[in-house]
Amino acid sequence: MDTVKAKQARLWLGIFFVIILAANAFFSTIAVLSGLKDNATFTPFALDTSPVVRLLLFIISLAVSWGISHLVYRTLIRGEISVSESVPIAYIFLGFLLLFFGAIAFVSIIHWLLWPLAFFILLIFSVIVLWRLLGGLFTVGAIAAAIIVAFITFYLFS
């Protein structure tokens, strides 16, 4: 039997999952387009941006990612979700956030195939972990939304 706290924690987890999944689908598609077209117009930073600036941005994003993942973990614990279910979910969100911020900082430098590959691996792990907590229908719907975002991005930028 679910309590109101657990339902509210699952709702916020689901909303955050859809948002971060769509953002990662967007940047993975941008990385693929940038690599296939060999064009830097799809990148957030110019190619001549200093590596120090990119690294500083990524280091700051490490702290932000850890803080958001910790917030997700605390929200799940307060929502009476067990620790054994909360820890993997927090790590998955940490991975998605690091992938998101890494794509912003390094998409034009690191090989373009890395981003969709890392996104796919994280997607598999997230489906395995979140299927039981959020439900199969919601998880499939979130993945469908990410696929739609990827196709729209591909259509608009190609």
Protein backbone atom coordinates (compact mmCIF):
# COMPACT_ATOMS: atom_id res chain seq x y z
CA MET A 1 0.00 0.00 0.00
CA ASP A 2 1.45 3.33 -1.09
CA THR A 3 1.35 6.34 1.12
CA VAL A 4 0.80 9.89 -0.07
CA LYS A 5 4.52 10.63 0.46
CA ALA A 6 5.53 7.67 -1.71
CA LYS A 7 3.14 8.66 -4.49
CA GLN A 8 4.38 12.23 -4.42
CA ALA A 9 8.02 11.09 -4.49
CA ARG A 10 7.27 8.82 -7.45
CA LEU A 11 5.52 11.67 -9.27
CA TRP A 12 8.52 14.01 -8.87
CA LEU A 13 10.88 11.21 -9.83
CA GLY A 14 8.85 10.52 -12.97
CA ILE A 15 8.71 14.18 -13.99
CA PHE A 16 12.45 14.60 -13.45
CA PHE A 17 13.14 11.36 -15.34
CA VAL A 18 11.20 12.54 -18.40
CA ILE A 19 12.90 15.95 -18.40
CA ILE A 20 16.45 14.62 -18.06
CA LEU A 21 15.78 11.83 -20.56
CA ALA A 22 14.48 14.30 -23.16
CA ALA A 23 17.44 16.64 -22.58
CA ASN A 24 19.90 13.79 -23.03
CA ALA A 25 18.11 12.61 -26.18
CA PHE A 26 18.39 16.15 -27.55
CA PHE A 27 22.13 16.43 -26.88
CA SER A 28 22.85 12.90 -28.08
CA THR A 29 21.12 13.72 -31.36
CA ILE A 30 23.04 17.00 -31.59
CA ALA A 31 26.28 15.06 -31.05
CA VAL A 32 25.40 12.60 -33.82
CA LEU A 33 24.49 15.39 -36.22
CA SER A 34 27.65 17.28 -35.35
CA GLY A 35 29.75 14.20 -35.98
CA LEU A 36 28.02 13.12 -39.17
CA LYS A 37 28.04 16.57 -40.75
CA ASP A 38 31.47 17.43 -39.37
CA ASN A 39 30.09 20.81 -38.51
CA ALA A 40 30.52 22.82 -35.33
CA THR A 41 27.29 24.80 -35.71
CA PHE A 42 25.48 22.34 -33.45
CA THR A 43 27.81 22.73 -30.52
CA PRO A 44 27.13 24.95 -27.49
CA PHE A 45 30.70 26.31 -27.51
CA ALA A 46 32.99 27.27 -30.36
CA LEU A 47 35.80 24.89 -31.21
CA ASP A 48 38.41 27.40 -30.10
CA THR A 49 36.96 27.69 -26.59
CA SER A 50 39.69 27.14 -24.03
CA PRO A 51 39.87 23.65 -22.54
CA VAL A 52 40.20 25.28 -19.12
CA VAL A 53 36.79 26.90 -19.53
CA ARG A 54 35.26 23.57 -20.58
CA LEU A 55 36.91 21.74 -17.71
CA LEU A 56 35.85 24.39 -15.21
CA LEU A 57 32.28 24.14 -16.45
CA PHE A 58 32.40 20.37 -16.11
CA ILE A 59 33.86 20.53 -12.59
CA ILE A 60 31.09 22.90 -11.54
CA SER A 61 28.56 20.59 -13.15
CA LEU A 62 29.98 17.66 -11.15
CA ALA A 63 29.01 19.46 -7.96
CA VAL A 64 25.61 20.42 -9.35
CA SER A 65 24.98 16.84 -10.54
CA TRP A 66 25.95 15.39 -7.20
CA GLY A 67 23.70 17.89 -5.41
CA ILE A 68 20.70 17.12 -7.61
CA SER A 69 21.26 13.37 -7.28
CA HIS A 70 21.52 13.74 -3.53
CA LEU A 71 18.27 15.71 -3.57
CA VAL A 72 16.61 12.92 -5.57
CA TYR A 73 17.89 10.38 -3.03
CA ARG A 74 16.65 12.41 -0.06
CA THR A 75 13.27 12.93 -1.72
CA LEU A 76 12.89 9.20 -2.25
CA ILE A 77 13.91 8.41 1.34
CA ARG A 78 11.46 11.00 2.68
CA GLY A 79 8.86 9.46 0.40
CA GLU A 80 9.37 6.16 2.22
CA ILE A 81 11.06 4.45 -0.72
CA SER A 82 13.57 1.88 0.54
CA VAL A 83 17.29 2.58 0.49
CA SER A 84 17.89 -0.42 -1.79
CA GLU A 85 15.66 1.22 -4.43
CA SER A 86 16.75 4.82 -3.80
CA VAL A 87 20.51 4.41 -4.18
CA PRO A 88 20.51 2.96 -7.74
CA ILE A 89 18.03 5.59 -8.85
CA ALA A 90 20.21 8.38 -7.47
CA TYR A 91 23.25 6.94 -9.27
CA ILE A 92 21.33 6.67 -12.53
CA PHE A 93 20.30 10.30 -12.28
CA LEU A 94 23.89 11.22 -11.47
CA GLY A 95 24.95 9.45 -14.65
CA PHE A 96 22.29 11.18 -16.74
CA LEU A 97 23.21 14.58 -15.32
CA LEU A 98 26.92 14.02 -15.92
CA LEU A 99 26.14 12.94 -19.47
CA PHE A 100 24.02 16.05 -19.96
CA PHE A 101 26.62 18.47 -18.60
CA GLY A 102 29.43 16.59 -20.33
CA ALA A 103 27.63 16.95 -23.63
CA ILE A 104 27.28 20.68 -23.08
CA ALA A 105 30.97 21.08 -22.27
CA PHE A 106 32.65 18.54 -24.55
CA VAL A 107 30.36 17.65 -27.47
CA SER A 108 32.61 19.21 -30.08
CA ILE A 109 35.83 17.75 -28.66
CA ILE A 110 35.10 14.16 -27.64
CA HIS A 111 34.14 11.73 -30.40
CA TRP A 112 30.47 12.05 -31.37
CA LEU A 113 29.71 8.33 -30.96
CA LEU A 114 30.42 8.45 -27.22
CA TRP A 115 27.29 10.43 -26.34
CA PRO A 116 24.63 8.16 -27.90
CA LEU A 117 26.47 5.07 -26.69
CA ALA A 118 26.62 6.33 -23.09
CA PHE A 119 23.00 7.47 -23.35
CA PHE A 120 21.93 4.02 -24.54
CA ILE A 121 23.78 2.26 -21.72
CA LEU A 122 22.26 4.58 -19.11
CA LEU A 123 18.85 4.10 -20.69
CA ILE A 124 19.10 0.33 -20.30
CA PHE A 125 20.11 0.64 -16.64
CA SER A 126 17.36 3.16 -15.95
CA VAL A 127 14.70 0.94 -17.51
CA ILE A 128 15.82 -1.95 -15.34
CA VAL A 129 15.80 0.12 -12.15
CA LEU A 130 12.82 2.41 -12.75
CA TRP A 131 10.46 -0.17 -14.24
CA ARG A 132 9.45 -1.48 -10.83
CA LEU A 133 9.22 1.90 -9.11
CA LEU A 134 7.48 3.99 -11.78
CA GLY A 135 5.68 1.25 -13.64
CA GLY A 136 6.15 -0.18 -17.08
CA LEU A 137 3.68 2.07 -18.87
CA PHE A 138 5.26 5.26 -17.55
CA THR A 139 8.77 4.06 -18.31
CA VAL A 140 7.84 3.12 -21.89
CA GLY A 141 6.07 6.47 -22.28
CA ALA A 142 9.16 8.35 -21.08
CA ILE A 143 11.35 6.45 -23.54
CA ALA A 144 8.84 7.16 -26.32
CA ALA A 145 8.97 10.87 -25.42
CA ALA A 146 12.79 10.78 -25.62
CA ILE A 147 12.62 9.08 -29.03
CA ILE A 148 10.17 11.73 -30.23
CA VAL A 149 12.51 14.49 -28.99
CA ALA A 150 15.41 12.82 -30.80
CA PHE A 151 13.46 12.58 -34.08
CA ILE A 152 12.26 16.18 -33.84
CA THR A 153 15.81 17.35 -33.13
CA PHE A 154 17.14 15.32 -36.02
CA TYR A 155 14.45 16.70 -38.34
CA LEU A 156 14.94 20.33 -37.28
CA PHE A 157 18.75 20.37 -37.35
CA SER A 158 19.47 18.13 -40.36
